[in-house]
Amino acid sequence: MAYVDIAGGFELDVVAACVNGGIAIAGGSGTVAGAVMGALFLGIIKNALPVVGISPFWQMAISGSALLIAIASNTLSQRDSGRIILKKAEAAE
């Protein structure tokens, strides 16, 4: 017998761990060690916050903000300036 809902709700945690570990959202770059480090980071956060006495609402807010910061830094680090592409096209003409 197989249970289909045994890990339900962990999808966002897996994506957050991978992004925090440095794996690009669009794919193509990242390492297994980075994913493991991201999972350890999120595990430490999720286990340390209840010990400190932070409410479940703020625990989710802190985890979500860590994910948003990782996504923003990932996006900004891989962003190319559109002006450079336009200048290269104009120089070729």
N, C-alpha and C. Protein backbone atom coordinates (compact mmCIF):
# COMPACT_ATOMS: atom_id res chain seq x y z
N MET A 1 0.84 -1.16 0.00
CA MET A 1 0.00 0.00 0.00
C MET A 1 0.90 1.24 0.00
N ALA A 2 0.52 2.24 -0.77
CA ALA A 2 1.28 3.48 -0.86
C ALA A 2 0.40 4.65 -0.46
N TYR A 3 0.96 5.55 0.31
CA TYR A 3 0.25 6.75 0.72
C TYR A 3 0.69 7.91 -0.17
N VAL A 4 -0.27 8.55 -0.79
CA VAL A 4 0.07 9.61 -1.73
C VAL A 4 0.25 10.96 -1.05
N ASP A 5 -0.21 11.11 0.16
CA ASP A 5 -0.12 12.41 0.83
C ASP A 5 0.89 12.41 1.97
N ILE A 6 1.86 11.52 1.91
CA ILE A 6 2.80 11.40 3.02
C ILE A 6 3.74 12.60 3.13
N ALA A 7 4.06 13.26 2.03
CA ALA A 7 4.94 14.43 2.08
C ALA A 7 4.24 15.65 1.51
N GLY A 8 2.93 15.71 1.67
CA GLY A 8 2.17 16.84 1.16
C GLY A 8 2.52 18.13 1.88
N GLY A 9 2.71 19.19 1.14
CA GLY A 9 3.04 20.47 1.72
C GLY A 9 4.52 20.77 1.80
N PHE A 10 5.37 19.85 1.39
CA PHE A 10 6.81 20.06 1.44
C PHE A 10 7.38 20.63 0.14
N GLU A 11 6.52 20.85 -0.84
CA GLU A 11 7.01 21.32 -2.13
C GLU A 11 7.68 22.68 -2.01
N LEU A 12 7.05 23.60 -1.29
CA LEU A 12 7.62 24.93 -1.14
C LEU A 12 8.92 24.88 -0.34
N ASP A 13 8.98 24.00 0.65
CA ASP A 13 10.21 23.87 1.43
C ASP A 13 11.36 23.36 0.57
N VAL A 14 11.09 22.46 -0.33
CA VAL A 14 12.13 21.92 -1.21
C VAL A 14 12.63 23.01 -2.16
N VAL A 15 11.72 23.76 -2.74
CA VAL A 15 12.11 24.84 -3.65
C VAL A 15 12.89 25.90 -2.89
N ALA A 16 12.43 26.24 -1.68
CA ALA A 16 13.13 27.24 -0.87
C ALA A 16 14.53 26.78 -0.50
N ALA A 17 14.69 25.51 -0.17
CA ALA A 17 16.01 24.99 0.18
C ALA A 17 16.94 25.05 -1.02
N CYS A 18 16.43 24.71 -2.19
CA CYS A 18 17.27 24.74 -3.39
C CYS A 18 17.68 26.16 -3.75
N VAL A 19 16.73 27.09 -3.69
CA VAL A 19 17.04 28.47 -4.04
C VAL A 19 18.00 29.08 -3.01
N ASN A 20 17.77 28.79 -1.74
CA ASN A 20 18.70 29.29 -0.71
C ASN A 20 20.08 28.69 -0.87
N GLY A 21 20.16 27.50 -1.45
CA GLY A 21 21.45 26.86 -1.67
C GLY A 21 22.17 27.33 -2.91
N GLY A 22 21.56 28.22 -3.69
CA GLY A 22 22.25 28.78 -4.83
C GLY A 22 21.87 28.19 -6.17
N ILE A 23 20.86 27.35 -6.20
CA ILE A 23 20.42 26.80 -7.48
C ILE A 23 19.55 27.83 -8.18
N ALA A 24 19.83 28.08 -9.45
CA ALA A 24 19.11 29.09 -10.21
C ALA A 24 17.67 28.65 -10.43
N ILE A 25 16.76 29.60 -10.37
CA ILE A 25 15.35 29.29 -10.58
C ILE A 25 15.11 28.86 -12.01
N ALA A 26 15.78 29.49 -12.95
CA ALA A 26 15.61 29.16 -14.36
C ALA A 26 16.34 27.87 -14.74
N GLY A 27 17.16 27.35 -13.84
CA GLY A 27 17.89 26.11 -14.12
C GLY A 27 19.25 26.38 -14.72
N GLY A 28 20.02 25.33 -14.82
CA GLY A 28 21.30 25.43 -15.49
C GLY A 28 22.50 25.66 -14.60
N SER A 29 22.29 26.04 -13.36
CA SER A 29 23.44 26.23 -12.48
C SER A 29 23.06 25.87 -11.05
N GLY A 30 24.05 25.38 -10.34
CA GLY A 30 23.84 24.98 -8.96
C GLY A 30 24.53 23.65 -8.69
N THR A 31 24.70 23.34 -7.41
CA THR A 31 25.36 22.10 -7.05
C THR A 31 24.53 21.36 -6.00
N VAL A 32 24.83 20.09 -5.86
CA VAL A 32 24.16 19.29 -4.84
C VAL A 32 24.56 19.78 -3.45
N ALA A 33 25.82 20.14 -3.30
CA ALA A 33 26.28 20.66 -2.01
C ALA A 33 25.54 21.94 -1.64
N GLY A 34 25.27 22.79 -2.62
CA GLY A 34 24.51 24.00 -2.37
C GLY A 34 23.09 23.70 -1.92
N ALA A 35 22.46 22.70 -2.55
CA ALA A 35 21.11 22.32 -2.16
C ALA A 35 21.09 21.76 -0.74
N VAL A 36 22.10 20.98 -0.39
CA VAL A 36 22.19 20.44 0.97
C VAL A 36 22.40 21.57 1.97
N MET A 37 23.25 22.53 1.64
CA MET A 37 23.47 23.67 2.53
C MET A 37 22.20 24.50 2.70
N GLY A 38 21.45 24.67 1.62
CA GLY A 38 20.17 25.38 1.72
C GLY A 38 19.18 24.64 2.59
N ALA A 39 19.15 23.32 2.46
CA ALA A 39 18.25 22.52 3.31
C ALA A 39 18.66 22.59 4.77
N LEU A 40 19.96 22.57 5.04
CA LEU A 40 20.43 22.71 6.42
C LEU A 40 20.09 24.09 6.97
N PHE A 41 20.24 25.12 6.17
CA PHE A 41 19.90 26.48 6.60
C PHE A 41 18.43 26.58 6.98
N LEU A 42 17.55 26.08 6.11
CA LEU A 42 16.12 26.13 6.42
C LEU A 42 15.77 25.24 7.60
N GLY A 43 16.43 24.10 7.72
CA GLY A 43 16.18 23.23 8.86
C GLY A 43 16.57 23.87 10.17
N ILE A 44 17.69 24.57 10.17
CA ILE A 44 18.12 25.26 11.38
C ILE A 44 17.14 26.38 11.74
N ILE A 45 16.70 27.11 10.73
CA ILE A 45 15.73 28.18 10.98
C ILE A 45 14.44 27.61 11.54
N LYS A 46 13.91 26.57 10.92
CA LYS A 46 12.62 26.01 11.35
C LYS A 46 12.70 25.34 12.71
N ASN A 47 13.88 24.86 13.10
CA ASN A 47 14.01 24.24 14.42
C ASN A 47 14.40 25.24 15.50
N ALA A 48 15.10 26.30 15.15
CA ALA A 48 15.57 27.27 16.15
C ALA A 48 14.49 28.28 16.54
N LEU A 49 13.66 28.66 15.61
CA LEU A 49 12.66 29.69 15.91
C LEU A 49 11.65 29.26 16.98
N PRO A 50 11.13 28.03 16.97
CA PRO A 50 10.23 27.64 18.06
C PRO A 50 10.94 27.57 19.42
N VAL A 51 12.21 27.21 19.42
CA VAL A 51 12.96 27.14 20.68
C VAL A 51 13.10 28.53 21.30
N VAL A 52 13.28 29.54 20.45
CA VAL A 52 13.42 30.91 20.92
C VAL A 52 12.08 31.45 21.41
N GLY A 53 10.98 30.86 20.95
CA GLY A 53 9.65 31.29 21.39
C GLY A 53 8.95 32.21 20.42
N ILE A 54 9.30 32.15 19.15
CA ILE A 54 8.66 32.99 18.14
C ILE A 54 7.37 32.30 17.69
N SER A 55 6.32 33.09 17.48
CA SER A 55 5.01 32.55 17.12
C SER A 55 5.06 31.91 15.73
N PRO A 56 4.17 30.97 15.47
CA PRO A 56 4.16 30.29 14.15
C PRO A 56 3.96 31.25 12.98
N PHE A 57 3.20 32.32 13.19
CA PHE A 57 3.02 33.30 12.11
C PHE A 57 4.35 33.91 11.71
N TRP A 58 5.13 34.35 12.68
CA TRP A 58 6.41 34.98 12.38
C TRP A 58 7.43 33.97 11.88
N GLN A 59 7.29 32.71 12.27
CA GLN A 59 8.17 31.67 11.74
C GLN A 59 7.99 31.55 10.23
N MET A 60 6.72 31.52 9.81
CA MET A 60 6.45 31.44 8.37
C MET A 60 6.90 32.71 7.66
N ALA A 61 6.72 33.87 8.31
CA ALA A 61 7.14 35.13 7.70
C ALA A 61 8.66 35.17 7.53
N ILE A 62 9.40 34.69 8.50
CA ILE A 62 10.87 34.70 8.41
C ILE A 62 11.33 33.71 7.35
N SER A 63 10.71 32.54 7.30
CA SER A 63 11.08 31.56 6.25
C SER A 63 10.76 32.11 4.87
N GLY A 64 9.61 32.75 4.73
CA GLY A 64 9.23 33.34 3.44
C GLY A 64 10.13 34.47 3.03
N SER A 65 10.54 35.30 4.00
CA SER A 65 11.44 36.40 3.66
C SER A 65 12.82 35.88 3.27
N ALA A 66 13.27 34.80 3.90
CA ALA A 66 14.55 34.20 3.50
C ALA A 66 14.46 33.71 2.05
N LEU A 67 13.31 33.15 1.67
CA LEU A 67 13.13 32.70 0.30
C LEU A 67 13.10 33.88 -0.67
N LEU A 68 12.39 34.94 -0.31
CA LEU A 68 12.32 36.11 -1.19
C LEU A 68 13.69 36.78 -1.36
N ILE A 69 14.46 36.85 -0.30
CA ILE A 69 15.80 37.43 -0.39
C ILE A 69 16.69 36.57 -1.30
N ALA A 70 16.57 35.24 -1.18
CA ALA A 70 17.37 34.36 -2.03
C ALA A 70 16.97 34.50 -3.50
N ILE A 71 15.68 34.60 -3.77
CA ILE A 71 15.22 34.77 -5.15
C ILE A 71 15.69 36.11 -5.71
N ALA A 72 15.58 37.17 -4.91
CA ALA A 72 16.00 38.49 -5.38
C ALA A 72 17.49 38.53 -5.67
N SER A 73 18.28 37.95 -4.79
CA SER A 73 19.73 37.97 -5.02
C SER A 73 20.10 37.10 -6.21
N ASN A 74 19.41 35.99 -6.40
CA ASN A 74 19.65 35.12 -7.55
C ASN A 74 19.30 35.84 -8.85
N THR A 75 18.18 36.53 -8.85
CA THR A 75 17.75 37.25 -10.05
C THR A 75 18.69 38.40 -10.37
N LEU A 76 19.09 39.15 -9.35
CA LEU A 76 19.97 40.29 -9.60
C LEU A 76 21.37 39.86 -10.03
N SER A 77 21.83 38.71 -9.54
CA SER A 77 23.17 38.27 -9.93
C SER A 77 23.22 37.75 -11.36
N GLN A 78 22.11 37.29 -11.89
CA GLN A 78 22.08 36.74 -13.25
C GLN A 78 21.52 37.72 -14.26
N ARG A 79 21.22 38.93 -13.84
CA ARG A 79 20.60 39.91 -14.71
C ARG A 79 21.64 40.61 -15.58
N ASP A 80 21.38 40.68 -16.86
CA ASP A 80 22.22 41.42 -17.79
C ASP A 80 21.53 42.73 -18.13
N SER A 81 22.30 43.75 -18.31
CA SER A 81 21.75 45.04 -18.66
C SER A 81 21.32 45.05 -20.12
N GLY A 82 20.13 45.53 -20.39
CA GLY A 82 19.62 45.59 -21.75
C GLY A 82 20.34 46.62 -22.59
N ARG A 83 20.88 47.64 -21.96
CA ARG A 83 21.59 48.69 -22.70
C ARG A 83 22.84 48.15 -23.38
N ILE A 84 23.53 47.26 -22.75
CA ILE A 84 24.75 46.71 -23.33
C ILE A 84 24.41 45.95 -24.61
N ILE A 85 23.32 45.23 -24.61
CA ILE A 85 22.92 44.47 -25.79
C ILE A 85 22.55 45.44 -26.92
N LEU A 86 21.86 46.51 -26.58
CA LEU A 86 21.49 47.47 -27.61
C LEU A 86 22.72 48.17 -28.18
N LYS A 87 23.68 48.49 -27.34
CA LYS A 87 24.89 49.14 -27.81
C LYS A 87 25.70 48.21 -28.71
N LYS A 88 25.73 46.92 -28.40
CA LYS A 88 26.45 45.97 -29.24
C LYS A 88 25.75 45.85 -30.60
N ALA A 89 24.43 45.88 -30.62
CA ALA A 89 23.69 45.77 -31.89
C ALA A 89 23.91 47.03 -32.73
N GLU A 90 23.93 48.19 -32.10
CA GLU A 90 24.16 49.43 -32.84
C GLU A 90 25.58 49.51 -33.38
N ALA A 91 26.56 48.98 -32.63
CA ALA A 91 27.95 49.01 -33.07
C ALA A 91 28.16 48.09 -34.26
N ALA A 92 27.39 47.03 -34.37
CA ALA A 92 27.55 46.09 -35.46
C ALA A 92 27.01 46.65 -36.77
N GLU A 93 26.12 47.62 -36.69
CA GLU A 93 25.52 48.17 -37.92
C GLU A 93 26.42 49.06 -38.67
